[in-house]
PDB file of all heavy atoms in Angstrom:
ATOM      1  N   VAL A   1      -3.730  14.888   4.850  1.00  0.00           N
ATOM      2  CA  VAL A   1      -2.365  15.447   4.848  1.00  0.00           C
ATOM      3  C   VAL A   1      -1.626  14.747   3.615  1.00  0.00           C
ATOM      4  O   VAL A   1      -1.778  13.704   3.306  1.00  0.00           O
ATOM      5  CB  VAL A   1      -1.744  14.928   6.219  1.00  0.00           C
ATOM      6  CG1 VAL A   1      -1.700  13.493   6.316  1.00  0.00           C
ATOM      7  CG2 VAL A   1      -0.246  15.595   6.210  1.00  0.00           C
ATOM      8  N   THR A   2      -0.742  15.587   3.007  1.00  0.00           N
ATOM      9  CA  THR A   2       0.011  15.070   1.899  1.00  0.00           C
ATOM     10  C   THR A   2       1.443  15.328   2.202  1.00  0.00           C
ATOM     11  O   THR A   2       1.977  16.331   2.784  1.00  0.00           O
ATOM     12  CB  THR A   2      -0.316  16.026   0.623  1.00  0.00           C
ATOM     13  OG1 THR A   2      -1.695  15.811   0.222  1.00  0.00           O
ATOM     14  CG2 THR A   2       0.544  15.788  -0.442  1.00  0.00           C
ATOM     15  N   PHE A   3       2.264  14.399   1.755  1.00  0.00           N
ATOM     16  CA  PHE A   3       3.681  14.440   1.862  1.00  0.00           C
ATOM     17  C   PHE A   3       4.304  14.273   0.434  1.00  0.00           C
ATOM     18  O   PHE A   3       3.977  13.399  -0.440  1.00  0.00           O
ATOM     19  CB  PHE A   3       4.246  13.284   2.607  1.00  0.00           C
ATOM     20  CG  PHE A   3       3.848  13.253   4.059  1.00  0.00           C
ATOM     21  CD1 PHE A   3       2.643  12.684   4.496  1.00  0.00           C
ATOM     22  CD2 PHE A   3       4.509  13.886   5.066  1.00  0.00           C
ATOM     23  CE1 PHE A   3       2.144  12.545   5.776  1.00  0.00           C
ATOM     24  CE2 PHE A   3       4.043  13.860   6.465  1.00  0.00           C
ATOM     25  CZ  PHE A   3       2.879  13.246   6.681  1.00  0.00           C
ATOM     26  N   ALA A   4       5.284  15.333   0.186  1.00  0.00           N
ATOM     27  CA  ALA A   4       5.795  15.162  -1.206  1.00  0.00           C
ATOM     28  C   ALA A   4       7.367  15.495  -1.196  1.00  0.00           C
ATOM     29  O   ALA A   4       7.808  15.895  -0.101  1.00  0.00           O
ATOM     30  CB  ALA A   4       5.234  16.329  -2.056  1.00  0.00           C
ATOM     31  N   ALA A   5       8.066  14.987  -2.147  1.00  0.00           N
ATOM     32  CA  ALA A   5       9.557  15.133  -2.186  1.00  0.00           C
ATOM     33  C   ALA A   5       9.917  15.418  -3.584  1.00  0.00           C
ATOM     34  O   ALA A   5       9.225  15.253  -4.536  1.00  0.00           O
ATOM     35  CB  ALA A   5      10.159  13.892  -1.598  1.00  0.00           C
ATOM     36  N   PRO A   6      11.244  15.816  -3.723  1.00  0.00           N
ATOM     37  CA  PRO A   6      11.871  16.071  -5.171  1.00  0.00           C
ATOM     38  C   PRO A   6      11.869  14.770  -5.978  1.00  0.00           C
ATOM     39  O   PRO A   6      11.634  13.645  -5.393  1.00  0.00           O
ATOM     40  CB  PRO A   6      13.245  16.517  -4.841  1.00  0.00           C
ATOM     41  CG  PRO A   6      13.144  17.019  -3.501  1.00  0.00           C
ATOM     42  CD  PRO A   6      12.235  16.189  -2.736  1.00  0.00           C
ATOM     43  N   SER A   7      11.934  14.910  -7.255  1.00  0.00           N
ATOM     44  CA  SER A   7      12.074  13.854  -8.172  1.00  0.00           C
ATOM     45  C   SER A   7      13.342  12.867  -7.685  1.00  0.00           C
ATOM     46  O   SER A   7      14.315  13.393  -7.307  1.00  0.00           O
ATOM     47  CB  SER A   7      12.395  14.428  -9.531  1.00  0.00           C
ATOM     48  OG  SER A   7      12.514  13.346 -10.514  1.00  0.00           O
ATOM     49  N   GLY A   8      12.983  11.629  -7.905  1.00  0.00           N
ATOM     50  CA  GLY A   8      13.992  10.589  -7.516  1.00  0.00           C
ATOM     51  C   GLY A   8      13.744  10.059  -6.209  1.00  0.00           C
ATOM     52  O   GLY A   8      14.465   8.996  -5.806  1.00  0.00           O
ATOM     53  N   TYR A   9      12.949  10.557  -5.303  1.00  0.00           N
ATOM     54  CA  TYR A   9      12.772  10.150  -4.042  1.00  0.00           C
ATOM     55  C   TYR A   9      11.700   9.082  -3.972  1.00  0.00           C
ATOM     56  O   TYR A   9      10.599   8.988  -4.753  1.00  0.00           O
ATOM     57  CB  TYR A   9      12.316  11.292  -3.032  1.00  0.00           C
ATOM     58  CG  TYR A   9      13.328  12.150  -2.576  1.00  0.00           C
ATOM     59  CD1 TYR A   9      14.089  12.988  -3.379  1.00  0.00           C
ATOM     60  CD2 TYR A   9      13.646  12.277  -1.147  1.00  0.00           C
ATOM     61  CE1 TYR A   9      15.188  13.853  -2.855  1.00  0.00           C
ATOM     62  CE2 TYR A   9      14.546  13.188  -0.645  1.00  0.00           C
ATOM     63  CZ  TYR A   9      15.263  13.945  -1.535  1.00  0.00           C
ATOM     64  OH  TYR A   9      16.171  14.809  -1.084  1.00  0.00           O
ATOM     65  N   LYS A  10      11.701   8.126  -3.067  1.00  0.00           N
ATOM     66  CA  LYS A  10      10.676   7.255  -2.752  1.00  0.00           C
ATOM     67  C   LYS A  10      10.420   7.314  -1.326  1.00  0.00           C
ATOM     68  O   LYS A  10      11.168   7.429  -0.501  1.00  0.00           O
ATOM     69  CB  LYS A  10      11.089   5.706  -3.012  1.00  0.00           C
ATOM     70  CG  LYS A  10       9.988   4.801  -2.789  1.00  0.00           C
ATOM     71  CD  LYS A  10      10.305   3.310  -3.240  1.00  0.00           C
ATOM     72  CE  LYS A  10       9.053   2.408  -3.049  1.00  0.00           C
ATOM     73  NZ  LYS A  10       9.416   0.954  -3.352  1.00  0.00           N
ATOM     74  N   LEU A  11       9.021   7.449  -0.913  1.00  0.00           N
ATOM     75  CA  LEU A  11       8.648   7.783   0.455  1.00  0.00           C
ATOM     76  C   LEU A  11       7.874   6.624   0.911  1.00  0.00           C
ATOM     77  O   LEU A  11       7.036   5.912   0.312  1.00  0.00           O
ATOM     78  CB  LEU A  11       7.722   9.032   0.473  1.00  0.00           C
ATOM     79  CG  LEU A  11       8.403  10.382   0.093  1.00  0.00           C
ATOM     80  CD1 LEU A  11       7.413  11.507   0.105  1.00  0.00           C
ATOM     81  CD2 LEU A  11       9.554  10.755   0.934  1.00  0.00           C
ATOM     82  N   LYS A  12       8.004   6.467   2.172  1.00  0.00           N
ATOM     83  CA  LYS A  12       7.143   5.568   2.954  1.00  0.00           C
ATOM     84  C   LYS A  12       6.818   6.303   4.270  1.00  0.00           C
ATOM     85  O   LYS A  12       7.605   6.840   5.047  1.00  0.00           O
ATOM     86  CB  LYS A  12       7.988   4.306   3.396  1.00  0.00           C
ATOM     87  CG  LYS A  12       7.135   3.362   4.398  1.00  0.00           C
ATOM     88  CD  LYS A  12       7.888   2.243   4.642  1.00  0.00           C
ATOM     89  CE  LYS A  12       7.234   1.150   5.578  1.00  0.00           C
ATOM     90  NZ  LYS A  12       8.090  -0.063   5.879  1.00  0.00           N
ATOM     91  N   VAL A  13       5.494   6.320   4.466  1.00  0.00           N
ATOM     92  CA  VAL A  13       4.978   7.161   5.669  1.00  0.00           C
ATOM     93  C   VAL A  13       4.000   6.269   6.444  1.00  0.00           C
ATOM     94  O   VAL A  13       3.120   5.813   5.918  1.00  0.00           O
ATOM     95  CB  VAL A  13       4.271   8.430   5.282  1.00  0.00           C
ATOM     96  CG1 VAL A  13       3.848   9.268   6.548  1.00  0.00           C
ATOM     97  CG2 VAL A  13       5.211   9.407   4.441  1.00  0.00           C
ATOM     98  N   VAL A  14       4.176   6.353   7.813  1.00  0.00           N
ATOM     99  CA  VAL A  14       3.280   5.664   8.736  1.00  0.00           C
ATOM    100  C   VAL A  14       2.570   6.630   9.599  1.00  0.00           C
ATOM    101  O   VAL A  14       3.341   7.331  10.337  1.00  0.00           O
ATOM    102  CB  VAL A  14       4.036   4.486   9.511  1.00  0.00           C
ATOM    103  CG1 VAL A  14       3.090   3.763  10.410  1.00  0.00           C
ATOM    104  CG2 VAL A  14       4.773   3.602   8.647  1.00  0.00           C
ATOM    105  N   ILE A  15       1.304   6.604   9.571  1.00  0.00           N
ATOM    106  CA  ILE A  15       0.592   7.528  10.391  1.00  0.00           C
ATOM    107  C   ILE A  15      -0.708   6.743  11.031  1.00  0.00           C
ATOM    108  O   ILE A  15      -1.490   6.146  10.072  1.00  0.00           O
ATOM    109  CB  ILE A  15      -0.038   8.829   9.678  1.00  0.00           C
ATOM    110  CG1 ILE A  15       1.069   9.719   9.307  1.00  0.00           C
ATOM    111  CG2 ILE A  15      -0.962   9.599  10.611  1.00  0.00           C
ATOM    112  CD1 ILE A  15       0.724  10.938   8.494  1.00  0.00           C
ATOM    113  N   ASN A  16      -0.899   6.697  12.267  1.00  0.00           N
ATOM    114  CA  ASN A  16      -2.156   6.089  12.790  1.00  0.00           C
ATOM    115  C   ASN A  16      -2.289   4.662  12.442  1.00  0.00           C
ATOM    116  O   ASN A  16      -3.365   4.284  12.026  1.00  0.00           O
ATOM    117  CB  ASN A  16      -3.324   6.953  12.440  1.00  0.00           C
ATOM    118  CG  ASN A  16      -4.443   6.578  13.324  1.00  0.00           C
ATOM    119  OD1 ASN A  16      -4.435   6.424  14.584  1.00  0.00           O
ATOM    120  ND2 ASN A  16      -5.776   6.783  12.742  1.00  0.00           N
ATOM    121  N   ASN A  17      -1.182   3.979  12.344  1.00  0.00           N
ATOM    122  CA  ASN A  17      -1.090   2.573  12.057  1.00  0.00           C
ATOM    123  C   ASN A  17      -1.497   2.349  10.515  1.00  0.00           C
ATOM    124  O   ASN A  17      -1.636   1.211  10.125  1.00  0.00           O
ATOM    125  CB  ASN A  17      -2.032   1.687  12.779  1.00  0.00           C
ATOM    126  CG  ASN A  17      -1.737   1.653  14.247  1.00  0.00           C
ATOM    127  OD1 ASN A  17      -0.497   1.664  14.560  1.00  0.00           O
ATOM    128  ND2 ASN A  17      -2.632   1.760  15.150  1.00  0.00           N
ATOM    129  N   GLN A  18      -1.504   3.401   9.699  1.00  0.00           N
ATOM    130  CA  GLN A  18      -1.626   3.290   8.285  1.00  0.00           C
ATOM    131  C   GLN A  18      -0.308   3.464   7.634  1.00  0.00           C
ATOM    132  O   GLN A  18       0.552   4.386   7.932  1.00  0.00           O
ATOM    133  CB  GLN A  18      -2.501   4.368   7.675  1.00  0.00           C
ATOM    134  CG  GLN A  18      -4.106   4.276   8.088  1.00  0.00           C
ATOM    135  CD  GLN A  18      -4.872   5.237   7.402  1.00  0.00           C
ATOM    136  OE1 GLN A  18      -4.862   5.351   6.191  1.00  0.00           O
ATOM    137  NE2 GLN A  18      -5.524   6.119   8.282  1.00  0.00           N
ATOM    138  N   THR A  19       0.056   2.655   6.661  1.00  0.00           N
ATOM    139  CA  THR A  19       1.357   2.796   5.902  1.00  0.00           C
ATOM    140  C   THR A  19       1.067   2.979   4.497  1.00  0.00           C
ATOM    141  O   THR A  19       0.310   2.240   3.872  1.00  0.00           O
ATOM    142  CB  THR A  19       2.223   1.514   6.223  1.00  0.00           C
ATOM    143  OG1 THR A  19       2.398   1.373   7.667  1.00  0.00           O
ATOM    144  CG2 THR A  19       3.671   1.596   5.433  1.00  0.00           C
ATOM    145  N   LEU A  20       1.625   3.986   3.852  1.00  0.00           N
ATOM    146  CA  LEU A  20       1.706   4.300   2.448  1.00  0.00           C
ATOM    147  C   LEU A  20       2.964   4.423   1.855  1.00  0.00           C
ATOM    148  O   LEU A  20       3.933   5.035   2.650  1.00  0.00           O
ATOM    149  CB  LEU A  20       0.801   5.509   2.198  1.00  0.00           C
ATOM    150  CG  LEU A  20      -0.731   5.448   2.515  1.00  0.00           C
ATOM    151  CD1 LEU A  20      -1.307   6.718   2.255  1.00  0.00           C
ATOM    152  CD2 LEU A  20      -1.477   4.358   1.864  1.00  0.00           C
ATOM    153  N   GLU A  21       3.224   3.869   0.639  1.00  0.00           N
ATOM    154  CA  GLU A  21       4.521   3.924  -0.042  1.00  0.00           C
ATOM    155  C   GLU A  21       4.258   4.486  -1.443  1.00  0.00           C
ATOM    156  O   GLU A  21       3.317   4.000  -2.151  1.00  0.00           O
ATOM    157  CB  GLU A  21       5.239   2.669   0.068  1.00  0.00           C
ATOM    158  CG  GLU A  21       5.703   2.163   1.398  1.00  0.00           C
ATOM    159  CD  GLU A  21       6.526   0.926   1.236  1.00  0.00           C
ATOM    160  OE1 GLU A  21       7.497   0.903   0.604  1.00  0.00           O
ATOM    161  OE2 GLU A  21       6.049  -0.147   1.742  1.00  0.00           O
ATOM    162  N   ASP A  22       5.075   5.445  -1.951  1.00  0.00           N
ATOM    163  CA  ASP A  22       5.041   5.820  -3.350  1.00  0.00           C
ATOM    164  C   ASP A  22       6.172   6.653  -3.711  1.00  0.00           C
ATOM    165  O   ASP A  22       6.925   7.025  -2.744  1.00  0.00           O
ATOM    166  CB  ASP A  22       3.682   6.588  -3.537  1.00  0.00           C
ATOM    167  CG  ASP A  22       3.190   6.640  -5.003  1.00  0.00           C
ATOM    168  OD1 ASP A  22       3.980   6.192  -5.937  1.00  0.00           O
ATOM    169  OD2 ASP A  22       2.113   7.161  -5.314  1.00  0.00           O
ATOM    170  N   GLU A  23       6.450   6.895  -4.999  1.00  0.00           N
ATOM    171  CA  GLU A  23       7.377   7.783  -5.319  1.00  0.00           C
ATOM    172  C   GLU A  23       6.938   9.266  -5.331  1.00  0.00           C
ATOM    173  O   GLU A  23       6.039   9.588  -5.918  1.00  0.00           O
ATOM    174  CB  GLU A  23       7.852   7.584  -6.730  1.00  0.00           C
ATOM    175  CG  GLU A  23       8.434   6.152  -6.991  1.00  0.00           C
ATOM    176  CD  GLU A  23       8.901   5.775  -8.358  1.00  0.00           C
ATOM    177  OE1 GLU A  23       8.736   6.728  -9.165  1.00  0.00           O
ATOM    178  OE2 GLU A  23       9.483   4.809  -8.661  1.00  0.00           O
ATOM    179  N   GLN A  24       7.656  10.134  -4.531  1.00  0.00           N
ATOM    180  CA  GLN A  24       7.467  11.522  -4.476  1.00  0.00           C
ATOM    181  C   GLN A  24       6.252  11.942  -3.773  1.00  0.00           C
ATOM    182  O   GLN A  24       6.216  13.146  -3.000  1.00  0.00           O
ATOM    183  CB  GLN A  24       7.453  12.199  -5.875  1.00  0.00           C
ATOM    184  CG  GLN A  24       8.822  12.188  -6.577  1.00  0.00           C
ATOM    185  CD  GLN A  24       8.636  13.035  -7.742  1.00  0.00           C
ATOM    186  OE1 GLN A  24       8.605  12.525  -8.845  1.00  0.00           O
ATOM    187  NE2 GLN A  24       8.632  14.279  -7.685  1.00  0.00           N
ATOM    188  N   TYR A  25       5.084  11.232  -3.790  1.00  0.00           N
ATOM    189  CA  TYR A  25       3.915  11.862  -3.349  1.00  0.00           C
ATOM    190  C   TYR A  25       2.995  10.718  -2.685  1.00  0.00           C
ATOM    191  O   TYR A  25       2.719   9.792  -3.054  1.00  0.00           O
ATOM    192  CB  TYR A  25       3.066  12.309  -4.557  1.00  0.00           C
ATOM    193  CG  TYR A  25       1.717  12.853  -4.296  1.00  0.00           C
ATOM    194  CD1 TYR A  25       1.476  14.050  -3.773  1.00  0.00           C
ATOM    195  CD2 TYR A  25       0.567  12.089  -4.677  1.00  0.00           C
ATOM    196  CE1 TYR A  25       0.250  14.507  -3.434  1.00  0.00           C
ATOM    197  CE2 TYR A  25      -0.661  12.606  -4.350  1.00  0.00           C
ATOM    198  CZ  TYR A  25      -0.886  13.806  -3.800  1.00  0.00           C
ATOM    199  OH  TYR A  25      -2.121  14.294  -3.531  1.00  0.00           O
ATOM    200  N   ILE A  26       2.519  11.174  -1.357  1.00  0.00           N
ATOM    201  CA  ILE A  26       1.734  10.357  -0.601  1.00  0.00           C
ATOM    202  C   ILE A  26       0.693  11.121   0.084  1.00  0.00           C
ATOM    203  O   ILE A  26       0.923  12.336   0.573  1.00  0.00           O
ATOM    204  CB  ILE A  26       2.568   9.680   0.583  1.00  0.00           C
ATOM    205  CG1 ILE A  26       3.482   8.519  -0.038  1.00  0.00           C
ATOM    206  CG2 ILE A  26       1.726   9.006   1.679  1.00  0.00           C
ATOM    207  CD1 ILE A  26       4.345   7.774   1.007  1.00  0.00           C
ATOM    208  N   ARG A  27      -0.656  10.619   0.128  1.00  0.00           N
ATOM    209  CA  ARG A  27      -1.788  11.409   0.721  1.00  0.00           C
ATOM    210  C   ARG A  27      -2.523  10.416   1.480  1.00  0.00           C
ATOM    211  O   ARG A  27      -2.963   9.460   1.205  1.00  0.00           O
ATOM    212  CB  ARG A  27      -2.565  11.953  -0.488  1.00  0.00           C
ATOM    213  CG  ARG A  27      -3.701  12.914  -0.061  1.00  0.00           C
ATOM    214  CD  ARG A  27      -4.515  13.260  -1.281  1.00  0.00           C
ATOM    215  NE  ARG A  27      -5.487  14.245  -0.912  1.00  0.00           N
ATOM    216  CZ  ARG A  27      -6.651  14.403  -1.467  1.00  0.00           C
ATOM    217  NH1 ARG A  27      -7.052  13.607  -2.462  1.00  0.00           N
ATOM    218  NH2 ARG A  27      -7.565  15.336  -1.138  1.00  0.00           N
ATOM    219  N   PHE A  28      -2.826  11.033   2.730  1.00  0.00           N
ATOM    220  CA  PHE A  28      -3.672  10.352   3.790  1.00  0.00           C
ATOM    221  C   PHE A  28      -4.995  11.203   3.800  1.00  0.00           C
ATOM    222  O   PHE A  28      -4.968  12.375   3.892  1.00  0.00           O
ATOM    223  CB  PHE A  28      -3.151  10.190   5.105  1.00  0.00           C
ATOM    224  CG  PHE A  28      -1.972   9.384   5.240  1.00  0.00           C
ATOM    225  CD1 PHE A  28      -0.639   9.811   4.946  1.00  0.00           C
ATOM    226  CD2 PHE A  28      -1.971   8.130   5.765  1.00  0.00           C
ATOM    227  CE1 PHE A  28       0.411   8.965   5.167  1.00  0.00           C
ATOM    228  CE2 PHE A  28      -0.928   7.322   5.889  1.00  0.00           C
ATOM    229  CZ  PHE A  28       0.285   7.689   5.611  1.00  0.00           C
ATOM    230  N   VAL A  29      -6.164  10.438   3.594  1.00  0.00           N
ATOM    231  CA  VAL A  29      -7.415  11.180   3.819  1.00  0.00           C
ATOM    232  C   VAL A  29      -8.290  10.661   4.942  1.00  0.00           C
ATOM    233  O   VAL A  29      -8.069   9.509   5.416  1.00  0.00           O
ATOM    234  CB  VAL A  29      -8.225  11.158   2.463  1.00  0.00           C
ATOM    235  CG1 VAL A  29      -7.387  11.688   1.237  1.00  0.00           C
ATOM    236  CG2 VAL A  29      -8.542   9.533   2.112  1.00  0.00           C
TER     237      VAL A  29
END
């Protein structure tokens, strides 16, 4: 699963006890 956002955003996503942070783009595999 991939999460993306417009330019200027910073994302943090927590799924299944996994936490990922990045600008605009996050991918769980």
